[in-house]
Amino acid sequence: MRVAEVVGRFRKTSPAPPLLSSKRMQSVEAAEAPPVSRGTSPAGKALAFWGAALTVVALDQATKTAVRTWLDRGESWPDESWPLKLKHVTNSGAAFGQLQDQTTFLIVMACIGVVALYLYYRNPPFQHWLASVAVGLMLGGAAGNLIDRIRAGRVTDFVKPDNFPAFNVADSAINVGVAIILIGYLWFEQRKREPSNEDAPTDG
C-alpha cells in the first residue's frame, strides 16, 4: 500500500478538531479585552469636561451680572442681620484678601492655571468620567474669575456667610472640583488595593 493511500485513510478516520462557536469566541474576546469604565472614552471625557467647564462659566457670569445689576457695591439682601446673605463685594486680590491690587500678576497666574488644568484633564489621576467633570469644574471656575480680572481688574463676590469671606460660583466650582479629585483618587486607589474575588482562595 502506498504512503499516500495510508495518509488519506488516516485523514478520513481522524475526527476534526471542534470549532469554537461564535458565542464562545465572543466570550473569549470579551474576556481578553481590557475593562473600560463608563464615560472614559475620548468622546465621553470631552463631553463631561467641556460641559462642566462651560456650565460653570455661564452660571458664574450670569449670577455676577445679576448682582452688579440689582445691588450696589456693599449692598446686602436681605439685610446684615441675616447669617447668610447676598452682598455685592469686589476683590482685587486673590482668595481671602491676599495679593491686593496685583491684577497683572494674578491674570498671568490664572492663565497658567487654566493651561495646567487643561493638561491635567488630558492626564487625569484616575480613569472615570467624574475626573473629567471635576477638572472641568476647576477650569470653569478659574476661567470665570479670570474673565472678571480682565474685564474690570477685580472679581465680583456675592455669597456672604457670617464670619467667612464672600465667594461666588467660580470659587465654589473650584472647591467642589478639588474635593471630587481627592475623594475619587483615594476611592479608586483603595479599590486597586483590594484583592479581587478571583484571587481569593476557594474551599475544595
Protein backbone atom coordinates (compact mmCIF):
# COMPACT_ATOMS: atom_id res chain seq x y z
CA MET A 1 0.00 0.00 0.00
CA ARG A 2 1.33 3.36 -0.95
CA VAL A 3 2.05 6.07 1.60
CA ALA A 4 -0.46 8.49 0.02
CA GLU A 5 -3.30 5.98 0.49
CA VAL A 6 -2.38 5.48 4.17
CA VAL A 7 -2.38 9.23 4.82
CA GLY A 8 -5.73 9.64 3.04
CA ARG A 9 -7.36 6.92 5.14
CA PHE A 10 -5.95 8.44 8.33
CA ARG A 11 -7.45 11.84 7.48
CA LYS A 12 -10.86 10.31 6.83
CA THR A 13 -10.95 8.33 10.08
CA SER A 14 -9.45 11.06 12.34
CA PRO A 15 -12.08 13.35 13.96
CA ALA A 16 -11.78 17.02 13.08
CA PRO A 17 -10.96 19.33 16.00
CA PRO A 18 -14.08 21.05 17.37
CA LEU A 19 -14.54 24.62 16.22
CA LEU A 20 -15.37 27.35 18.69
CA SER A 21 -18.90 28.57 18.34
CA SER A 22 -19.48 32.25 17.62
CA LYS A 23 -20.79 32.81 21.14
CA ARG A 24 -17.76 31.09 22.62
CA MET A 25 -15.40 33.20 20.50
CA GLN A 26 -17.21 36.39 21.55
CA SER A 27 -16.90 35.48 25.22
CA VAL A 28 -13.18 34.77 24.82
CA GLU A 29 -12.63 38.10 23.06
CA ALA A 30 -14.62 39.91 25.75
CA ALA A 31 -12.54 38.27 28.48
CA GLU A 32 -9.30 39.31 26.80
CA ALA A 33 -10.41 42.90 26.18
CA PRO A 34 -9.35 45.39 28.89
CA PRO A 35 -12.20 46.74 31.04
CA VAL A 36 -13.35 50.23 30.10
CA SER A 37 -15.09 52.38 32.68
CA ARG A 38 -18.22 54.17 31.60
CA GLY A 39 -17.51 57.65 30.35
CA THR A 40 -13.76 57.20 29.88
CA SER A 41 -13.92 57.10 26.08
CA PRO A 42 -12.44 60.21 24.43
CA ALA A 43 -15.89 61.47 23.47
CA GLY A 44 -17.29 60.86 26.96
CA LYS A 45 -14.36 62.59 28.64
CA ALA A 46 -14.61 65.60 26.34
CA LEU A 47 -18.36 65.91 26.90
CA ALA A 48 -18.01 65.72 30.69
CA PHE A 49 -15.07 68.13 30.78
CA TRP A 50 -16.30 70.84 28.44
CA GLY A 51 -19.90 70.51 29.63
CA ALA A 52 -18.86 71.14 33.24
CA ALA A 53 -16.48 73.98 32.34
CA LEU A 54 -18.90 75.87 30.10
CA THR A 55 -21.78 75.42 32.56
CA VAL A 56 -19.72 76.92 35.39
CA VAL A 57 -18.60 79.89 33.27
CA ALA A 58 -22.18 80.60 32.15
CA LEU A 59 -23.65 80.37 35.68
CA ASP A 60 -20.79 82.37 37.19
CA GLN A 61 -21.06 85.24 34.73
CA ALA A 62 -24.88 85.28 34.83
CA THR A 63 -25.02 85.47 38.64
CA LYS A 64 -22.32 88.15 38.81
CA THR A 65 -24.12 90.23 36.20
CA ALA A 66 -27.37 89.94 38.15
CA VAL A 67 -25.68 91.03 41.39
CA ARG A 68 -23.99 94.01 39.72
CA THR A 69 -27.34 95.00 38.20
CA TRP A 70 -29.58 94.67 41.26
CA LEU A 71 -27.23 95.53 44.15
CA ASP A 72 -24.94 98.49 44.63
CA ARG A 73 -21.43 97.76 45.82
CA GLY A 74 -21.59 96.98 49.53
CA GLU A 75 -25.38 96.49 49.49
CA SER A 76 -26.85 93.32 51.00
CA TRP A 77 -30.02 91.32 50.52
CA PRO A 78 -31.55 90.53 52.96
CA ASP A 79 -30.08 92.93 55.50
CA GLU A 80 -26.90 92.47 57.52
CA SER A 81 -28.72 90.71 60.38
CA TRP A 82 -29.08 87.51 58.33
CA PRO A 83 -26.36 84.86 58.83
CA LEU A 84 -26.29 84.16 55.08
CA LYS A 85 -26.98 86.88 52.54
CA LEU A 86 -26.24 88.19 49.09
CA LYS A 87 -23.79 91.06 49.26
CA HIS A 88 -22.14 92.86 46.36
CA VAL A 89 -18.42 92.67 47.16
CA THR A 90 -15.40 93.11 44.88
CA ASN A 91 -11.95 91.66 45.40
CA SER A 92 -8.86 92.94 43.59
CA GLY A 93 -6.66 90.27 45.16
CA ALA A 94 -6.57 86.51 45.48
CA ALA A 95 -8.55 84.32 47.85
CA PHE A 96 -9.10 85.60 51.38
CA GLY A 97 -7.82 89.07 50.53
CA GLN A 98 -4.27 88.12 49.61
CA LEU A 99 -2.25 89.99 46.90
CA GLN A 100 -4.50 93.03 46.72
CA ASP A 101 -4.17 95.21 43.60
CA GLN A 102 -1.80 92.74 41.90
CA THR A 103 -4.07 92.40 38.87
CA THR A 104 -1.42 91.77 36.19
CA PHE A 105 0.32 89.12 38.25
CA LEU A 106 -2.98 87.41 39.07
CA ILE A 107 -4.06 87.41 35.41
CA VAL A 108 -0.78 85.79 34.36
CA MET A 109 -1.06 83.18 37.12
CA ALA A 110 -4.69 82.48 36.21
CA CYS A 111 -3.75 81.92 32.54
CA ILE A 112 -1.03 79.49 33.62
CA GLY A 113 -3.57 77.75 35.86
CA VAL A 114 -6.07 77.37 33.01
CA VAL A 115 -3.42 75.78 30.78
CA ALA A 116 -2.28 73.50 33.61
CA LEU A 117 -5.85 72.37 34.27
CA TYR A 118 -6.34 71.50 30.60
CA LEU A 119 -3.16 69.40 30.67
CA TYR A 120 -4.40 67.80 33.89
CA TYR A 121 -7.64 66.89 32.10
CA ARG A 122 -5.59 65.14 29.39
CA ASN A 123 -3.79 63.11 32.09
CA PRO A 124 -6.32 62.60 34.92
CA PRO A 125 -5.37 60.99 38.26
CA PHE A 126 -7.94 58.20 37.74
CA GLN A 127 -9.91 56.97 34.74
CA HIS A 128 -13.53 57.88 35.39
CA TRP A 129 -15.96 60.43 33.98
CA LEU A 130 -16.06 62.11 37.42
CA ALA A 131 -12.40 63.08 36.99
CA SER A 132 -13.26 64.91 33.77
CA VAL A 133 -16.19 66.66 35.46
CA ALA A 134 -14.03 67.69 38.43
CA VAL A 135 -11.26 69.17 36.29
CA GLY A 136 -13.91 70.86 34.15
CA LEU A 137 -15.38 72.48 37.26
CA MET A 138 -11.97 73.79 38.26
CA LEU A 139 -11.23 75.07 34.77
CA GLY A 140 -14.62 76.79 34.56
CA GLY A 141 -14.08 78.41 37.95
CA ALA A 142 -10.61 79.65 37.04
CA ALA A 143 -11.89 81.00 33.72
CA GLY A 144 -14.87 82.72 35.36
CA ASN A 145 -12.70 84.70 37.76
CA LEU A 146 -10.16 85.36 35.01
CA ILE A 147 -12.88 86.99 32.89
CA ASP A 148 -13.64 89.34 35.81
CA ARG A 149 -9.99 90.33 36.23
CA ILE A 150 -9.53 91.03 32.52
CA ARG A 151 -12.83 92.93 32.27
CA ALA A 152 -12.72 95.02 35.45
CA GLY A 153 -9.48 94.30 37.28
CA ARG A 154 -11.36 92.75 40.21
CA VAL A 155 -13.61 89.76 40.96
CA THR A 156 -17.27 90.09 41.96
CA ASP A 157 -18.24 88.07 45.04
CA PHE A 158 -21.74 87.91 46.45
CA VAL A 159 -22.40 84.90 48.72
CA LYS A 160 -21.60 86.20 52.21
CA PRO A 161 -21.89 83.98 55.29
CA ASP A 162 -21.18 85.46 58.71
CA ASN A 163 -17.53 85.26 59.81
CA PHE A 164 -16.40 84.00 56.39
CA PRO A 165 -15.15 85.77 53.26
CA ALA A 166 -17.60 86.33 50.42
CA PHE A 167 -17.36 83.99 47.42
CA ASN A 168 -19.02 83.27 44.08
CA VAL A 169 -20.00 80.41 41.77
CA ALA A 170 -16.48 80.15 40.33
CA ASP A 171 -14.94 79.76 43.80
CA SER A 172 -17.48 77.09 44.70
CA ALA A 173 -16.83 75.15 41.49
CA ILE A 174 -13.08 75.13 42.13
CA ASN A 175 -13.53 73.80 45.67
CA VAL A 176 -16.05 71.15 44.60
CA GLY A 177 -13.72 70.02 41.81
CA VAL A 178 -10.77 69.70 44.18
CA ALA A 179 -12.91 67.70 46.63
CA ILE A 180 -14.06 65.30 43.89
CA ILE A 181 -10.47 64.74 42.73
CA LEU A 182 -9.22 63.99 46.25
CA ILE A 183 -12.12 61.71 47.20
CA GLY A 184 -12.10 59.95 43.83
CA TYR A 185 -8.37 59.36 43.90
CA LEU A 186 -8.48 57.89 47.40
CA TRP A 187 -11.52 55.76 46.49
CA PHE A 188 -10.02 54.28 43.33
CA GLU A 189 -6.65 53.72 44.95
CA GLN A 190 -8.40 51.75 47.71
CA ARG A 191 -10.29 49.72 45.08
CA LYS A 192 -6.99 48.83 43.39
CA ARG A 193 -5.52 47.53 46.63
CA GLU A 194 -8.49 45.30 47.49
CA PRO A 195 -7.99 41.67 46.38
CA SER A 196 -10.39 40.56 43.67
CA ASN A 197 -12.80 37.65 44.16
CA GLU A 198 -10.87 35.58 41.62
CA ASP A 199 -7.69 35.78 43.69
CA ALA A 200 -9.45 34.74 46.92
CA PRO A 201 -8.85 31.07 47.92
CA THR A 202 -11.82 28.73 47.46
CA ASP A 203 -12.70 25.69 49.53
CA GLY A 204 -12.23 22.24 48.00
